[in-house]
């Protein structure tokens, strides 16, 4: 199963120098995620090939988003993976600690429908919700105070 690494890549770019004049290098993105560049580079090429990223070669080269981050959807990334031959996609709601209407609809309905219409399997990692380890961590933080 192929993971939806492009989503991580987009997050790395969005929180870095992405909209600045200096493109983010594949090596820097990989280092931020404590991973090898050989793991990230193929996904960067896929995203550049489908118009989600812009790539520039050379000494001052790198990658940046081709459009504003808010205009790039999970559906765009799923379609890019499908065009590249992915058989499955795993979506992780990293911005949310619990399921709510937005997560449930955007991922479990819309993104799943895009994956199915693109011919690839859809899998979603669970949010933390009320997992005992998550609840224990929150309780510990409350006990410690500010």
C-alpha atoms as a PDB file:
ATOM      1  CA  UNK A   1       0.000   0.000   0.000  1.00  0.00           C
ATOM      2  CA  UNK A   2       1.296   3.437  -0.888  1.00  0.00           C
ATOM      3  CA  UNK A   3       0.927   6.153   1.716  1.00  0.00           C
ATOM      4  CA  UNK A   4      -0.407   9.579   0.905  1.00  0.00           C
ATOM      5  CA  UNK A   5       2.999  11.159   1.325  1.00  0.00           C
ATOM      6  CA  UNK A   6       2.079  14.069  -0.936  1.00  0.00           C
ATOM      7  CA  UNK A   7      -0.124  15.420   1.846  1.00  0.00           C
ATOM      8  CA  UNK A   8       2.858  15.452   4.204  1.00  0.00           C
ATOM      9  CA  UNK A   9       4.937  17.028   1.495  1.00  0.00           C
ATOM     10  CA  UNK A  10       2.389  19.774   0.982  1.00  0.00           C
ATOM     11  CA  UNK A  11       2.282  20.448   4.706  1.00  0.00           C
ATOM     12  CA  UNK A  12       6.064  20.630   4.836  1.00  0.00           C
ATOM     13  CA  UNK A  13       6.102  23.052   1.958  1.00  0.00           C
ATOM     14  CA  UNK A  14       3.198  25.120   3.275  1.00  0.00           C
ATOM     15  CA  UNK A  15       4.910  25.658   6.605  1.00  0.00           C
ATOM     16  CA  UNK A  16       8.268  26.423   5.042  1.00  0.00           C
ATOM     17  CA  UNK A  17       9.518  28.706   2.323  1.00  0.00           C
ATOM     18  CA  UNK A  18       6.839  27.641  -0.108  1.00  0.00           C
ATOM     19  CA  UNK A  19       5.260  30.956  -0.997  1.00  0.00           C
ATOM     20  CA  UNK A  20       8.513  32.832  -0.528  1.00  0.00           C
ATOM     21  CA  UNK A  21      10.877  33.547  -3.372  1.00  0.00           C
ATOM     22  CA  UNK A  22      13.159  30.657  -2.374  1.00  0.00           C
ATOM     23  CA  UNK A  23      11.871  27.196  -3.371  1.00  0.00           C
ATOM     24  CA  UNK A  24      12.047  24.353  -0.844  1.00  0.00           C
ATOM     25  CA  UNK A  25      14.652  21.755  -1.826  1.00  0.00           C
ATOM     26  CA  UNK A  26      13.769  18.069  -1.739  1.00  0.00           C
ATOM     27  CA  UNK A  27      16.702  17.493   0.628  1.00  0.00           C
ATOM     28  CA  UNK A  28      15.362  20.087   3.091  1.00  0.00           C
ATOM     29  CA  UNK A  29      11.842  18.630   2.986  1.00  0.00           C
ATOM     30  CA  UNK A  30      13.204  15.142   3.637  1.00  0.00           C
ATOM     31  CA  UNK A  31      15.369  16.391   6.506  1.00  0.00           C
ATOM     32  CA  UNK A  32      12.365  18.066   8.144  1.00  0.00           C
ATOM     33  CA  UNK A  33      10.627  14.704   8.243  1.00  0.00           C
ATOM     34  CA  UNK A  34      13.774  12.773   9.202  1.00  0.00           C
ATOM     35  CA  UNK A  35      13.521  10.774   5.998  1.00  0.00           C
ATOM     36  CA  UNK A  36      15.627  10.105   2.960  1.00  0.00           C
ATOM     37  CA  UNK A  37      15.352  12.288  -0.109  1.00  0.00           C
ATOM     38  CA  UNK A  38      14.900   9.155  -2.247  1.00  0.00           C
ATOM     39  CA  UNK A  39      11.586   8.622  -0.467  1.00  0.00           C
ATOM     40  CA  UNK A  40      10.299  12.165  -1.082  1.00  0.00           C
ATOM     41  CA  UNK A  41      11.645  12.935  -4.538  1.00  0.00           C
ATOM     42  CA  UNK A  42       9.325  10.629  -6.519  1.00  0.00           C
ATOM     43  CA  UNK A  43       6.265  12.171  -4.853  1.00  0.00           C
ATOM     44  CA  UNK A  44       7.526  15.677  -5.512  1.00  0.00           C
ATOM     45  CA  UNK A  45       7.866  14.779  -9.198  1.00  0.00           C
ATOM     46  CA  UNK A  46       4.319  13.364  -9.263  1.00  0.00           C
ATOM     47  CA  UNK A  47       2.919  16.522  -7.657  1.00  0.00           C
ATOM     48  CA  UNK A  48       4.885  18.743 -10.022  1.00  0.00           C
ATOM     49  CA  UNK A  49       3.757  16.700 -13.006  1.00  0.00           C
ATOM     50  CA  UNK A  50       0.091  17.212 -12.177  1.00  0.00           C
ATOM     51  CA  UNK A  51       0.351  20.924 -11.481  1.00  0.00           C
ATOM     52  CA  UNK A  52       0.141  20.920  -7.683  1.00  0.00           C
ATOM     53  CA  UNK A  53       3.800  21.902  -7.294  1.00  0.00           C
ATOM     54  CA  UNK A  54       6.182  23.883  -9.448  1.00  0.00           C
ATOM     55  CA  UNK A  55       9.665  22.448  -9.692  1.00  0.00           C
ATOM     56  CA  UNK A  56      12.798  24.311 -10.674  1.00  0.00           C
ATOM     57  CA  UNK A  57      16.143  22.674 -11.397  1.00  0.00           C
ATOM     58  CA  UNK A  58      19.563  24.038 -10.696  1.00  0.00           C
ATOM     59  CA  UNK A  59      21.548  25.518  -7.861  1.00  0.00           C
ATOM     60  CA  UNK A  60      18.646  27.693  -6.692  1.00  0.00           C
ATOM     61  CA  UNK A  61      16.034  25.106  -7.602  1.00  0.00           C
ATOM     62  CA  UNK A  62      13.441  23.354  -5.529  1.00  0.00           C
ATOM     63  CA  UNK A  63       9.682  23.085  -5.191  1.00  0.00           C
ATOM     64  CA  UNK A  64       6.863  25.434  -4.288  1.00  0.00           C
ATOM     65  CA  UNK A  65       3.112  25.208  -4.537  1.00  0.00           C
ATOM     66  CA  UNK A  66       1.754  26.011  -7.985  1.00  0.00           C
ATOM     67  CA  UNK A  67      -1.216  27.803  -6.397  1.00  0.00           C
ATOM     68  CA  UNK A  68      -2.245  28.971  -2.933  1.00  0.00           C
ATOM     69  CA  UNK A  69      -2.356  26.185  -0.335  1.00  0.00           C
ATOM     70  CA  UNK A  70      -6.051  26.801   0.327  1.00  0.00           C
ATOM     71  CA  UNK A  71      -6.821  26.024  -3.316  1.00  0.00           C
ATOM     72  CA  UNK A  72      -5.239  22.561  -3.186  1.00  0.00           C
ATOM     73  CA  UNK A  73      -7.565  19.852  -1.971  1.00  0.00           C
ATOM     74  CA  UNK A  74      -7.128  16.304  -0.774  1.00  0.00           C
ATOM     75  CA  UNK A  75      -9.050  15.353  -3.931  1.00  0.00           C
ATOM     76  CA  UNK A  76      -6.319  16.950  -6.080  1.00  0.00           C
ATOM     77  CA  UNK A  77      -3.690  14.827  -4.353  1.00  0.00           C
ATOM     78  CA  UNK A  78      -5.771  11.638  -4.617  1.00  0.00           C
ATOM     79  CA  UNK A  79      -6.253  12.197  -8.351  1.00  0.00           C
ATOM     80  CA  UNK A  80      -2.507  12.795  -8.764  1.00  0.00           C
ATOM     81  CA  UNK A  81      -1.731   9.531  -6.972  1.00  0.00           C
ATOM     82  CA  UNK A  82      -4.259   7.669  -9.118  1.00  0.00           C
ATOM     83  CA  UNK A  83      -2.728   9.077 -12.325  1.00  0.00           C
ATOM     84  CA  UNK A  84       0.656   7.913 -11.083  1.00  0.00           C
ATOM     85  CA  UNK A  85      -0.610   4.365 -10.638  1.00  0.00           C
ATOM     86  CA  UNK A  86      -1.271   4.195  -6.913  1.00  0.00           C
ATOM     87  CA  UNK A  87      -3.565   1.353  -5.874  1.00  0.00           C
ATOM     88  CA  UNK A  88      -4.453   2.758  -2.456  1.00  0.00           C
ATOM     89  CA  UNK A  89      -4.378   6.011  -0.553  1.00  0.00           C
ATOM     90  CA  UNK A  90      -4.202   6.541   3.209  1.00  0.00           C
ATOM     91  CA  UNK A  91      -5.592   9.837   4.477  1.00  0.00           C
ATOM     92  CA  UNK A  92      -4.646  11.114   7.920  1.00  0.00           C
ATOM     93  CA  UNK A  93      -6.620  13.986   9.510  1.00  0.00           C
ATOM     94  CA  UNK A  94      -3.497  15.514  11.075  1.00  0.00           C
ATOM     95  CA  UNK A  95      -5.088  18.875  11.800  1.00  0.00           C
ATOM     96  CA  UNK A  96      -7.795  17.469  14.057  1.00  0.00           C
ATOM     97  CA  UNK A  97      -7.708  15.534  17.326  1.00  0.00           C
ATOM     98  CA  UNK A  98     -11.287  14.307  17.025  1.00  0.00           C
ATOM     99  CA  UNK A  99     -13.758  13.495  14.308  1.00  0.00           C
ATOM    100  CA  UNK A 100     -16.353  16.137  13.596  1.00  0.00           C
ATOM    101  CA  UNK A 101     -18.678  17.018  10.728  1.00  0.00           C
ATOM    102  CA  UNK A 102     -15.950  18.579   8.556  1.00  0.00           C
ATOM    103  CA  UNK A 103     -13.611  15.595   8.865  1.00  0.00           C
ATOM    104  CA  UNK A 104     -16.402  13.086   8.460  1.00  0.00           C
ATOM    105  CA  UNK A 105     -17.797  14.733   5.334  1.00  0.00           C
ATOM    106  CA  UNK A 106     -14.602  15.962   3.653  1.00  0.00           C
ATOM    107  CA  UNK A 107     -12.714  12.719   4.108  1.00  0.00           C
ATOM    108  CA  UNK A 108     -15.220   9.918   4.627  1.00  0.00           C
ATOM    109  CA  UNK A 109     -17.629  11.120   1.945  1.00  0.00           C
ATOM    110  CA  UNK A 110     -15.924  13.432  -0.571  1.00  0.00           C
ATOM    111  CA  UNK A 111     -12.342  12.104  -0.550  1.00  0.00           C
ATOM    112  CA  UNK A 112     -13.552   8.512  -0.486  1.00  0.00           C
ATOM    113  CA  UNK A 113     -15.794   9.181  -3.514  1.00  0.00           C
ATOM    114  CA  UNK A 114     -12.861  10.728  -5.411  1.00  0.00           C
ATOM    115  CA  UNK A 115     -10.676   7.705  -4.631  1.00  0.00           C
ATOM    116  CA  UNK A 116     -13.394   5.286  -5.724  1.00  0.00           C
ATOM    117  CA  UNK A 117     -14.076   7.197  -8.951  1.00  0.00           C
ATOM    118  CA  UNK A 118     -10.308   7.245  -9.595  1.00  0.00           C
ATOM    119  CA  UNK A 119     -10.126   3.484  -9.141  1.00  0.00           C
ATOM    120  CA  UNK A 120      -7.988   3.375  -6.004  1.00  0.00           C
ATOM    121  CA  UNK A 121      -8.666   2.074  -2.502  1.00  0.00           C
ATOM    122  CA  UNK A 122      -9.364   4.573   0.260  1.00  0.00           C
ATOM    123  CA  UNK A 123      -8.209   4.174   3.853  1.00  0.00           C
ATOM    124  CA  UNK A 124      -8.431   6.755   6.622  1.00  0.00           C
ATOM    125  CA  UNK A 125      -6.426   6.748   9.816  1.00  0.00           C
ATOM    126  CA  UNK A 126      -8.526   7.328  12.894  1.00  0.00           C
ATOM    127  CA  UNK A 127      -8.397  10.609  14.755  1.00  0.00           C
ATOM    128  CA  UNK A 128      -7.289  10.485  18.401  1.00  0.00           C
ATOM    129  CA  UNK A 129     -10.886  10.963  19.613  1.00  0.00           C
ATOM    130  CA  UNK A 130     -11.254   9.272  23.010  1.00  0.00           C
ATOM    131  CA  UNK A 131      -8.320   6.886  22.767  1.00  0.00           C
ATOM    132  CA  UNK A 132      -7.185   6.133  26.338  1.00  0.00           C
ATOM    133  CA  UNK A 133      -3.599   7.258  25.687  1.00  0.00           C
ATOM    134  CA  UNK A 134      -4.801  10.598  24.278  1.00  0.00           C
ATOM    135  CA  UNK A 135      -7.194  11.175  27.190  1.00  0.00           C
ATOM    136  CA  UNK A 136      -4.421  10.293  29.671  1.00  0.00           C
ATOM    137  CA  UNK A 137      -2.087  12.785  28.001  1.00  0.00           C
ATOM    138  CA  UNK A 138      -4.728  15.538  28.220  1.00  0.00           C
ATOM    139  CA  UNK A 139      -5.383  14.719  31.891  1.00  0.00           C
ATOM    140  CA  UNK A 140      -1.648  14.871  32.595  1.00  0.00           C
ATOM    141  CA  UNK A 141      -1.418  18.299  30.956  1.00  0.00           C
ATOM    142  CA  UNK A 142      -4.340  19.579  33.035  1.00  0.00           C
ATOM    143  CA  UNK A 143      -2.759  18.255  36.256  1.00  0.00           C
ATOM    144  CA  UNK A 144       0.532  19.995  35.432  1.00  0.00           C
ATOM    145  CA  UNK A 145      -1.197  23.308  34.853  1.00  0.00           C
ATOM    146  CA  UNK A 146       0.149  26.299  32.929  1.00  0.00           C
END
